[in-house]
Amino acid sequence: MTDRYIDLDETQIYGPHASGMIRTRVIGLLDKLDGGLEFFAGEIDGTTQTLGAMLSTSREASAEVRGGTKEKGSVLAGGVRVLGRFSTHLASHPDGAVDRKTFFPEDGTAGGVGRGASRVLLALGRIATELKKSKCEVSDKKRWLEEVSEAMTALAPLVQHSNNAKTERRAATPELAAAREAWLQTYMAAKSVVEGVLRLTGNLHMMPTIFHDMAVPGTAKITEAPPVPPPEPAQPTPAGPGEA
């Protein structure tokens, strides 16, 4: 049984568990390799911490998008309402007094703008520009300019914030993939060294204890570290060539 795919969250479980077990259960079994084992335990810790920090940053960006989306939804609805009421106001003018398509070029109605934040913001900006023109024949245009401008002011920063957060999140994706690959390479290299030590000292059965991914079903999703097993009786180091 071996976890066939170690995902980003699982790296934060398997990594610390392996480095801790290397230090407490493997170092000391073969004195001449203790320095190498400590090196690999430190490498696992370093790559795990780096990947964890990148993962946290990526999730913060995602949370900003979700939070910004919720806030933007409320402000966006307000902007849509302003467009609808302004369209109704245009309808109150005598026939031919104003050209609706000057303000709503899509189809002459507020509905033609759609409900996308960027499109609503663009429509509000177009209306504000037209209302500022001296030849504009819209009645009560000063009040409408104030209302449209307020809606624009509320919506513009949220649209920009959401776009920036999405860009950051997309940019982090290939970086996370590269960091995970670096972690995997370190983890697998450490496995090879530890396997050599355990094989030479007659403790090969300890591999799944050190590397927990080897002790779980192939499709498992691990959400917490395993309990640390009690120490096993020490095994003597086999005598080397020429040693009595």
C-alpha atoms as a PDB file:
ATOM      1  CA  MET A   1       0.000   0.000   0.000  1.00  0.00           C
ATOM      2  CA  THR A   2       1.444   3.339  -1.076  1.00  0.00           C
ATOM      3  CA  ASP A   3      -0.198   6.713  -1.571  1.00  0.00           C
ATOM      4  CA  ARG A   4       0.084   7.050  -5.345  1.00  0.00           C
ATOM      5  CA  TYR A   5      -0.388  10.816  -5.383  1.00  0.00           C
ATOM      6  CA  ILE A   6       0.884  13.106  -2.626  1.00  0.00           C
ATOM      7  CA  ASP A   7      -1.076  16.341  -2.910  1.00  0.00           C
ATOM      8  CA  LEU A   8      -0.063  19.764  -1.627  1.00  0.00           C
ATOM      9  CA  ASP A   9      -1.734  19.373   1.760  1.00  0.00           C
ATOM     10  CA  GLU A  10      -0.265  15.924   2.284  1.00  0.00           C
ATOM     11  CA  THR A  11       3.266  17.242   1.770  1.00  0.00           C
ATOM     12  CA  GLN A  12       2.746  19.235   4.961  1.00  0.00           C
ATOM     13  CA  ILE A  13       1.953  16.001   6.834  1.00  0.00           C
ATOM     14  CA  TYR A  14       4.321  13.481   5.282  1.00  0.00           C
ATOM     15  CA  GLY A  15       7.309  15.860   5.298  1.00  0.00           C
ATOM     16  CA  PRO A  16       7.477  16.742   9.028  1.00  0.00           C
ATOM     17  CA  HIS A  17       6.609  13.167   9.979  1.00  0.00           C
ATOM     18  CA  ALA A  18       9.456  11.758   7.880  1.00  0.00           C
ATOM     19  CA  SER A  19      12.083  14.249   9.068  1.00  0.00           C
ATOM     20  CA  GLY A  20      11.089  13.702  12.687  1.00  0.00           C
ATOM     21  CA  MET A  21      11.223   9.916  12.351  1.00  0.00           C
ATOM     22  CA  ILE A  22      14.599  10.067  10.579  1.00  0.00           C
ATOM     23  CA  ARG A  23      16.027  12.018  13.498  1.00  0.00           C
ATOM     24  CA  THR A  24      14.521   9.835  16.215  1.00  0.00           C
ATOM     25  CA  ARG A  25      14.495   6.345  14.652  1.00  0.00           C
ATOM     26  CA  VAL A  26      17.121   6.199  11.914  1.00  0.00           C
ATOM     27  CA  ILE A  27      19.982   8.430  13.009  1.00  0.00           C
ATOM     28  CA  GLY A  28      22.171   6.333  15.258  1.00  0.00           C
ATOM     29  CA  LEU A  29      21.606   3.055  13.442  1.00  0.00           C
ATOM     30  CA  LEU A  30      24.690   3.523  11.261  1.00  0.00           C
ATOM     31  CA  ASP A  31      27.032   6.123  12.713  1.00  0.00           C
ATOM     32  CA  LYS A  32      28.963   6.819   9.522  1.00  0.00           C
ATOM     33  CA  LEU A  33      25.793   7.953   7.730  1.00  0.00           C
ATOM     34  CA  ASP A  34      24.295  10.057  10.532  1.00  0.00           C
ATOM     35  CA  GLY A  35      25.518  13.298   8.930  1.00  0.00           C
ATOM     36  CA  GLY A  36      23.858  12.418   5.630  1.00  0.00           C
ATOM     37  CA  LEU A  37      20.623  11.496   7.359  1.00  0.00           C
ATOM     38  CA  GLU A  38      20.570  14.807   9.223  1.00  0.00           C
ATOM     39  CA  PHE A  39      21.208  16.591   5.916  1.00  0.00           C
ATOM     40  CA  PHE A  40      18.211  14.936   4.274  1.00  0.00           C
ATOM     41  CA  ALA A  41      15.972  15.550   7.289  1.00  0.00           C
ATOM     42  CA  GLY A  42      16.869  19.239   7.044  1.00  0.00           C
ATOM     43  CA  GLU A  43      16.231  19.261   3.292  1.00  0.00           C
ATOM     44  CA  ILE A  44      12.783  17.767   3.825  1.00  0.00           C
ATOM     45  CA  ASP A  45      12.033  20.433   6.441  1.00  0.00           C
ATOM     46  CA  GLY A  46      13.247  23.237   4.171  1.00  0.00           C
ATOM     47  CA  THR A  47      11.288  22.207   1.087  1.00  0.00           C
ATOM     48  CA  THR A  48       8.193  21.492   3.196  1.00  0.00           C
ATOM     49  CA  GLN A  49       8.296  24.945   4.783  1.00  0.00           C
ATOM     50  CA  THR A  50       8.862  26.667   1.450  1.00  0.00           C
ATOM     51  CA  LEU A  51       5.974  24.820  -0.174  1.00  0.00           C
ATOM     52  CA  GLY A  52       3.745  25.480   2.849  1.00  0.00           C
ATOM     53  CA  ALA A  53       4.428  29.220   2.694  1.00  0.00           C
ATOM     54  CA  MET A  54       3.640  29.315  -1.035  1.00  0.00           C
ATOM     55  CA  LEU A  55       0.462  27.308  -0.477  1.00  0.00           C
ATOM     56  CA  SER A  56      -0.661  29.704   2.251  1.00  0.00           C
ATOM     57  CA  THR A  57      -0.022  32.721   0.007  1.00  0.00           C
ATOM     58  CA  SER A  58      -1.969  31.138  -2.835  1.00  0.00           C
ATOM     59  CA  ARG A  59      -4.932  30.395  -0.570  1.00  0.00           C
ATOM     60  CA  GLU A  60      -4.919  33.920   0.819  1.00  0.00           C
ATOM     61  CA  ALA A  61      -5.216  35.206  -2.751  1.00  0.00           C
ATOM     62  CA  SER A  62      -8.104  32.800  -3.348  1.00  0.00           C
ATOM     63  CA  ALA A  63      -9.806  33.986  -0.160  1.00  0.00           C
ATOM     64  CA  GLU A  64      -9.414  37.585  -1.304  1.00  0.00           C
ATOM     65  CA  VAL A  65     -11.124  36.700  -4.566  1.00  0.00           C
ATOM     66  CA  ARG A  66     -14.013  35.049  -2.705  1.00  0.00           C
ATOM     67  CA  GLY A  67     -14.314  37.926  -0.230  1.00  0.00           C
ATOM     68  CA  GLY A  68     -14.032  40.494  -2.987  1.00  0.00           C
ATOM     69  CA  THR A  69     -16.647  38.644  -5.019  1.00  0.00           C
ATOM     70  CA  LYS A  70     -19.142  38.772  -2.148  1.00  0.00           C
ATOM     71  CA  GLU A  71     -18.557  42.470  -1.547  1.00  0.00           C
ATOM     72  CA  LYS A  72     -18.517  43.176  -5.253  1.00  0.00           C
ATOM     73  CA  GLY A  73     -21.852  41.377  -5.644  1.00  0.00           C
ATOM     74  CA  SER A  74     -23.564  43.876  -3.375  1.00  0.00           C
ATOM     75  CA  VAL A  75     -21.941  46.899  -5.011  1.00  0.00           C
ATOM     76  CA  LEU A  76     -22.542  45.440  -8.459  1.00  0.00           C
ATOM     77  CA  ALA A  77     -26.242  45.015  -7.729  1.00  0.00           C
ATOM     78  CA  GLY A  78     -26.342  48.675  -6.738  1.00  0.00           C
ATOM     79  CA  GLY A  79     -24.727  49.668 -10.018  1.00  0.00           C
ATOM     80  CA  VAL A  80     -27.217  47.572 -11.998  1.00  0.00           C
ATOM     81  CA  ARG A  81     -30.084  49.262 -10.157  1.00  0.00           C
ATOM     82  CA  VAL A  82     -28.686  52.702 -11.016  1.00  0.00           C
ATOM     83  CA  LEU A  83     -28.577  51.724 -14.687  1.00  0.00           C
ATOM     84  CA  GLY A  84     -32.150  50.458 -14.539  1.00  0.00           C
ATOM     85  CA  ARG A  85     -33.485  53.572 -12.854  1.00  0.00           C
ATOM     86  CA  PHE A  86     -31.594  55.819 -15.257  1.00  0.00           C
ATOM     87  CA  SER A  87     -33.111  53.904 -18.172  1.00  0.00           C
ATOM     88  CA  THR A  88     -36.564  54.470 -16.667  1.00  0.00           C
ATOM     89  CA  HIS A  89     -35.746  58.164 -16.284  1.00  0.00           C
ATOM     90  CA  LEU A  90     -34.851  58.376 -19.973  1.00  0.00           C
ATOM     91  CA  ALA A  91     -38.230  56.864 -20.822  1.00  0.00           C
ATOM     92  CA  SER A  92     -39.928  59.791 -19.068  1.00  0.00           C
ATOM     93  CA  HIS A  93     -38.650  62.246 -21.668  1.00  0.00           C
ATOM     94  CA  PRO A  94     -40.718  63.199 -24.736  1.00  0.00           C
ATOM     95  CA  ASP A  95     -40.186  61.034 -27.792  1.00  0.00           C
ATOM     96  CA  GLY A  96     -37.022  62.044 -29.624  1.00  0.00           C
ATOM     97  CA  ALA A  97     -35.756  64.287 -26.822  1.00  0.00           C
ATOM     98  CA  VAL A  98     -32.848  61.943 -26.026  1.00  0.00           C
ATOM     99  CA  ASP A  99     -31.196  59.159 -27.970  1.00  0.00           C
ATOM    100  CA  ARG A 100     -31.226  56.116 -25.698  1.00  0.00           C
ATOM    101  CA  LYS A 101     -28.429  54.467 -27.666  1.00  0.00           C
ATOM    102  CA  THR A 102     -26.129  57.320 -26.719  1.00  0.00           C
ATOM    103  CA  PHE A 103     -26.256  55.934 -23.183  1.00  0.00           C
ATOM    104  CA  PHE A 104     -26.981  52.258 -23.935  1.00  0.00           C
ATOM    105  CA  PRO A 105     -25.397  51.560 -27.346  1.00  0.00           C
ATOM    106  CA  GLU A 106     -25.912  47.785 -27.050  1.00  0.00           C
ATOM    107  CA  ASP A 107     -29.671  47.877 -27.655  1.00  0.00           C
ATOM    108  CA  GLY A 108     -30.901  51.116 -26.085  1.00  0.00           C
ATOM    109  CA  THR A 109     -31.809  49.418 -22.770  1.00  0.00           C
ATOM    110  CA  ALA A 110     -30.115  48.859 -19.426  1.00  0.00           C
ATOM    111  CA  GLY A 111     -30.672  45.131 -19.843  1.00  0.00           C
ATOM    112  CA  GLY A 112     -28.447  45.123 -22.898  1.00  0.00           C
ATOM    113  CA  VAL A 113     -25.473  46.062 -20.743  1.00  0.00           C
ATOM    114  CA  GLY A 114     -25.506  42.713 -18.971  1.00  0.00           C
ATOM    115  CA  ARG A 115     -24.545  42.067 -15.350  1.00  0.00           C
ATOM    116  CA  GLY A 116     -20.795  41.616 -15.604  1.00  0.00           C
ATOM    117  CA  ALA A 117     -18.952  43.971 -13.267  1.00  0.00           C
ATOM    118  CA  SER A 118     -16.651  45.326 -15.967  1.00  0.00           C
ATOM    119  CA  ARG A 119     -19.544  45.925 -18.375  1.00  0.00           C
ATOM    120  CA  VAL A 120     -21.613  47.673 -15.706  1.00  0.00           C
ATOM    121  CA  LEU A 121     -18.646  49.848 -14.775  1.00  0.00           C
ATOM    122  CA  LEU A 122     -18.078  50.709 -18.428  1.00  0.00           C
ATOM    123  CA  ALA A 123     -21.772  51.624 -18.874  1.00  0.00           C
ATOM    124  CA  LEU A 124     -21.724  53.862 -15.795  1.00  0.00           C
ATOM    125  CA  GLY A 125     -18.615  55.605 -17.107  1.00  0.00           C
ATOM    126  CA  ARG A 126     -20.197  56.161 -20.510  1.00  0.00           C
ATOM    127  CA  ILE A 127     -23.335  57.647 -18.949  1.00  0.00           C
ATOM    128  CA  ALA A 128     -21.260  59.935 -16.719  1.00  0.00           C
ATOM    129  CA  THR A 129     -19.309  61.159 -19.744  1.00  0.00           C
ATOM    130  CA  GLU A 130     -22.490  61.944 -21.669  1.00  0.00           C
ATOM    131  CA  LEU A 131     -24.132  63.685 -18.701  1.00  0.00           C
ATOM    132  CA  LYS A 132     -21.154  66.042 -18.435  1.00  0.00           C
ATOM    133  CA  LYS A 133     -21.629  67.294 -21.975  1.00  0.00           C
ATOM    134  CA  SER A 134     -23.238  70.707 -22.220  1.00  0.00           C
ATOM    135  CA  LYS A 135     -25.520  69.612 -25.046  1.00  0.00           C
ATOM    136  CA  CYS A 136     -26.935  66.718 -23.013  1.00  0.00           C
ATOM    137  CA  GLU A 137     -30.737  67.094 -22.875  1.00  0.00           C
ATOM    138  CA  VAL A 138     -31.355  64.721 -19.938  1.00  0.00           C
ATOM    139  CA  SER A 139     -33.424  66.405 -17.248  1.00  0.00           C
ATOM    140  CA  ASP A 140     -32.035  66.618 -13.706  1.00  0.00           C
ATOM    141  CA  LYS A 141     -28.669  65.576 -15.132  1.00  0.00           C
ATOM    142  CA  LYS A 142     -26.670  67.039 -12.243  1.00  0.00           C
ATOM    143  CA  ARG A 143     -28.356  64.735  -9.723  1.00  0.00           C
ATOM    144  CA  TRP A 144     -27.992  61.759 -12.048  1.00  0.00           C
ATOM    145  CA  LEU A 145     -24.328  62.519 -12.617  1.00  0.00           C
ATOM    146  CA  GLU A 146     -23.771  62.455  -8.859  1.00  0.00           C
ATOM    147  CA  GLU A 147     -25.575  59.132  -8.467  1.00  0.00           C
ATOM    148  CA  VAL A 148     -23.831  57.497 -11.411  1.00  0.00           C
ATOM    149  CA  SER A 149     -20.445  58.766 -10.219  1.00  0.00           C
ATOM    150  CA  GLU A 150     -21.050  57.342  -6.734  1.00  0.00           C
ATOM    151  CA  ALA A 151     -21.868  53.938  -8.208  1.00  0.00           C
ATOM    152  CA  MET A 152     -18.689  54.069 -10.297  1.00  0.00           C
ATOM    153  CA  THR A 153     -16.567  55.059  -7.311  1.00  0.00           C
ATOM    154  CA  ALA A 154     -17.889  52.110  -5.305  1.00  0.00           C
ATOM    155  CA  LEU A 155     -17.500  49.508  -8.038  1.00  0.00           C
ATOM    156  CA  ALA A 156     -14.190  50.464  -9.673  1.00  0.00           C
ATOM    157  CA  PRO A 157     -11.767  49.497  -6.848  1.00  0.00           C
ATOM    158  CA  LEU A 158     -13.513  46.178  -6.243  1.00  0.00           C
ATOM    159  CA  VAL A 159     -13.270  45.237  -9.906  1.00  0.00           C
ATOM    160  CA  GLN A 160      -9.566  46.123  -9.879  1.00  0.00           C
ATOM    161  CA  HIS A 161      -8.916  44.232  -6.614  1.00  0.00           C
ATOM    162  CA  SER A 162     -10.640  41.116  -7.880  1.00  0.00           C
ATOM    163  CA  ASN A 163      -8.689  41.188 -11.143  1.00  0.00           C
ATOM    164  CA  ASN A 164      -5.375  41.595  -9.291  1.00  0.00           C
ATOM    165  CA  ALA A 165      -6.130  38.735  -6.889  1.00  0.00           C
ATOM    166  CA  LYS A 166      -7.091  36.431  -9.748  1.00  0.00           C
ATOM    167  CA  THR A 167      -3.875  37.294 -11.569  1.00  0.00           C
ATOM    168  CA  GLU A 168      -1.813  36.526  -8.453  1.00  0.00           C
ATOM    169  CA  ARG A 169      -3.607  33.216  -7.961  1.00  0.00           C
ATOM    170  CA  ARG A 170      -3.039  32.151 -11.594  1.00  0.00           C
ATOM    171  CA  ALA A 171       0.627  33.141 -11.392  1.00  0.00           C
ATOM    172  CA  ALA A 172       1.078  31.060  -8.237  1.00  0.00           C
ATOM    173  CA  THR A 173      -0.198  27.853  -9.863  1.00  0.00           C
ATOM    174  CA  PRO A 174       2.927  26.923 -11.909  1.00  0.00           C
ATOM    175  CA  GLU A 175       5.116  28.013  -9.001  1.00  0.00           C
ATOM    176  CA  LEU A 176       3.253  25.666  -6.660  1.00  0.00           C
ATOM    177  CA  ALA A 177       3.610  22.834  -9.144  1.00  0.00           C
ATOM    178  CA  ALA A 178       7.373  23.441  -9.348  1.00  0.00           C
ATOM    179  CA  ALA A 179       7.691  23.648  -5.558  1.00  0.00           C
ATOM    180  CA  ARG A 180       5.760  20.396  -5.143  1.00  0.00           C
ATOM    181  CA  GLU A 181       8.050  18.699  -7.665  1.00  0.00           C
ATOM    182  CA  ALA A 182      11.122  19.936  -5.753  1.00  0.00           C
ATOM    183  CA  TRP A 183       9.598  18.590  -2.546  1.00  0.00           C
ATOM    184  CA  LEU A 184       8.927  15.201  -4.150  1.00  0.00           C
ATOM    185  CA  GLN A 185      12.498  14.930  -5.434  1.00  0.00           C
ATOM    186  CA  THR A 186      13.870  15.654  -1.967  1.00  0.00           C
ATOM    187  CA  TYR A 187      11.437  13.250  -0.317  1.00  0.00           C
ATOM    188  CA  MET A 188      12.257  10.438  -2.736  1.00  0.00           C
ATOM    189  CA  ALA A 189      16.007  11.012  -2.368  1.00  0.00           C
ATOM    190  CA  ALA A 190      15.654  10.820   1.407  1.00  0.00           C
ATOM    191  CA  LYS A 191      13.722   7.569   0.990  1.00  0.00           C
ATOM    192  CA  SER A 192      16.601   6.064  -0.959  1.00  0.00           C
ATOM    193  CA  VAL A 193      19.189   6.963   1.686  1.00  0.00           C
ATOM    194  CA  VAL A 194      17.010   5.795   4.567  1.00  0.00           C
ATOM    195  CA  GLU A 195      16.232   2.560   2.747  1.00  0.00           C
ATOM    196  CA  GLY A 196      19.953   1.894   2.426  1.00  0.00           C
ATOM    197  CA  VAL A 197      20.535   2.440   6.127  1.00  0.00           C
ATOM    198  CA  LEU A 198      17.571   0.303   7.160  1.00  0.00           C
ATOM    199  CA  ARG A 199      18.558  -2.460   4.756  1.00  0.00           C
ATOM    200  CA  LEU A 200      22.107  -2.581   6.056  1.00  0.00           C
ATOM    201  CA  THR A 201      20.948  -2.665   9.673  1.00  0.00           C
ATOM    202  CA  GLY A 202      18.192  -5.245   9.234  1.00  0.00           C
ATOM    203  CA  ASN A 203      15.401  -2.716   9.770  1.00  0.00           C
ATOM    204  CA  LEU A 204      13.890  -2.487   6.301  1.00  0.00           C
ATOM    205  CA  HIS A 205      10.437  -3.169   7.759  1.00  0.00           C
ATOM    206  CA  MET A 206      10.572   0.311   9.302  1.00  0.00           C
ATOM    207  CA  MET A 207      10.222   2.115   5.934  1.00  0.00           C
ATOM    208  CA  PRO A 208       6.423   2.604   6.202  1.00  0.00           C
ATOM    209  CA  THR A 209       6.910   3.850   9.747  1.00  0.00           C
ATOM    210  CA  ILE A 210       9.357   6.529   8.595  1.00  0.00           C
ATOM    211  CA  PHE A 211       7.543   7.430   5.355  1.00  0.00           C
ATOM    212  CA  HIS A 212       3.844   7.331   6.156  1.00  0.00           C
ATOM    213  CA  ASP A 213       2.767   7.527   2.495  1.00  0.00           C
ATOM    214  CA  MET A 214       3.949   3.903   2.234  1.00  0.00           C
ATOM    215  CA  ALA A 215       1.490   2.832   4.926  1.00  0.00           C
ATOM    216  CA  VAL A 216      -1.772   4.155   3.465  1.00  0.00           C
ATOM    217  CA  PRO A 217      -4.045   3.015   0.597  1.00  0.00           C
ATOM    218  CA  GLY A 218      -3.155   4.272  -2.861  1.00  0.00           C
ATOM    219  CA  THR A 219      -6.156   6.602  -3.133  1.00  0.00           C
ATOM    220  CA  ALA A 220      -6.152   7.801   0.475  1.00  0.00           C
ATOM    221  CA  LYS A 221      -6.525  11.466   1.394  1.00  0.00           C
ATOM    222  CA  ILE A 222      -4.515  12.100   4.557  1.00  0.00           C
ATOM    223  CA  THR A 223      -5.628  15.013   6.720  1.00  0.00           C
ATOM    224  CA  GLU A 224      -3.567  14.518   9.883  1.00  0.00           C
ATOM    225  CA  ALA A 225      -0.256  13.071  10.937  1.00  0.00           C
ATOM    226  CA  PRO A 226      -0.202   9.493  12.189  1.00  0.00           C
ATOM    227  CA  PRO A 227       0.509   8.768  15.852  1.00  0.00           C
ATOM    228  CA  VAL A 228       4.177   8.239  16.574  1.00  0.00           C
ATOM    229  CA  PRO A 229       4.729   4.525  17.202  1.00  0.00           C
ATOM    230  CA  PRO A 230       6.706   3.355  20.247  1.00  0.00           C
ATOM    231  CA  PRO A 231      10.433   2.833  19.681  1.00  0.00           C
ATOM    232  CA  GLU A 232      11.464  -0.579  18.423  1.00  0.00           C
ATOM    233  CA  PRO A 233      14.195  -2.587  20.158  1.00  0.00           C
ATOM    234  CA  ALA A 234      17.570  -1.466  18.876  1.00  0.00           C
ATOM    235  CA  GLN A 235      19.150  -3.706  16.283  1.00  0.00           C
ATOM    236  CA  PRO A 236      22.936  -4.156  16.357  1.00  0.00           C
ATOM    237  CA  THR A 237      24.828  -2.761  13.421  1.00  0.00           C
ATOM    238  CA  PRO A 238      26.170  -5.613  11.307  1.00  0.00           C
ATOM    239  CA  ALA A 239      29.946  -5.940  11.381  1.00  0.00           C
ATOM    240  CA  GLY A 240      31.685  -4.532   8.363  1.00  0.00           C
ATOM    241  CA  PRO A 241      34.235  -6.391   6.233  1.00  0.00           C
ATOM    242  CA  GLY A 242      37.248  -7.367   8.306  1.00  0.00           C
ATOM    243  CA  GLU A 243      35.543  -6.529  11.630  1.00  0.00           C
ATOM    244  CA  ALA A 244      35.173  -9.198  14.328  1.00  0.00           C
END
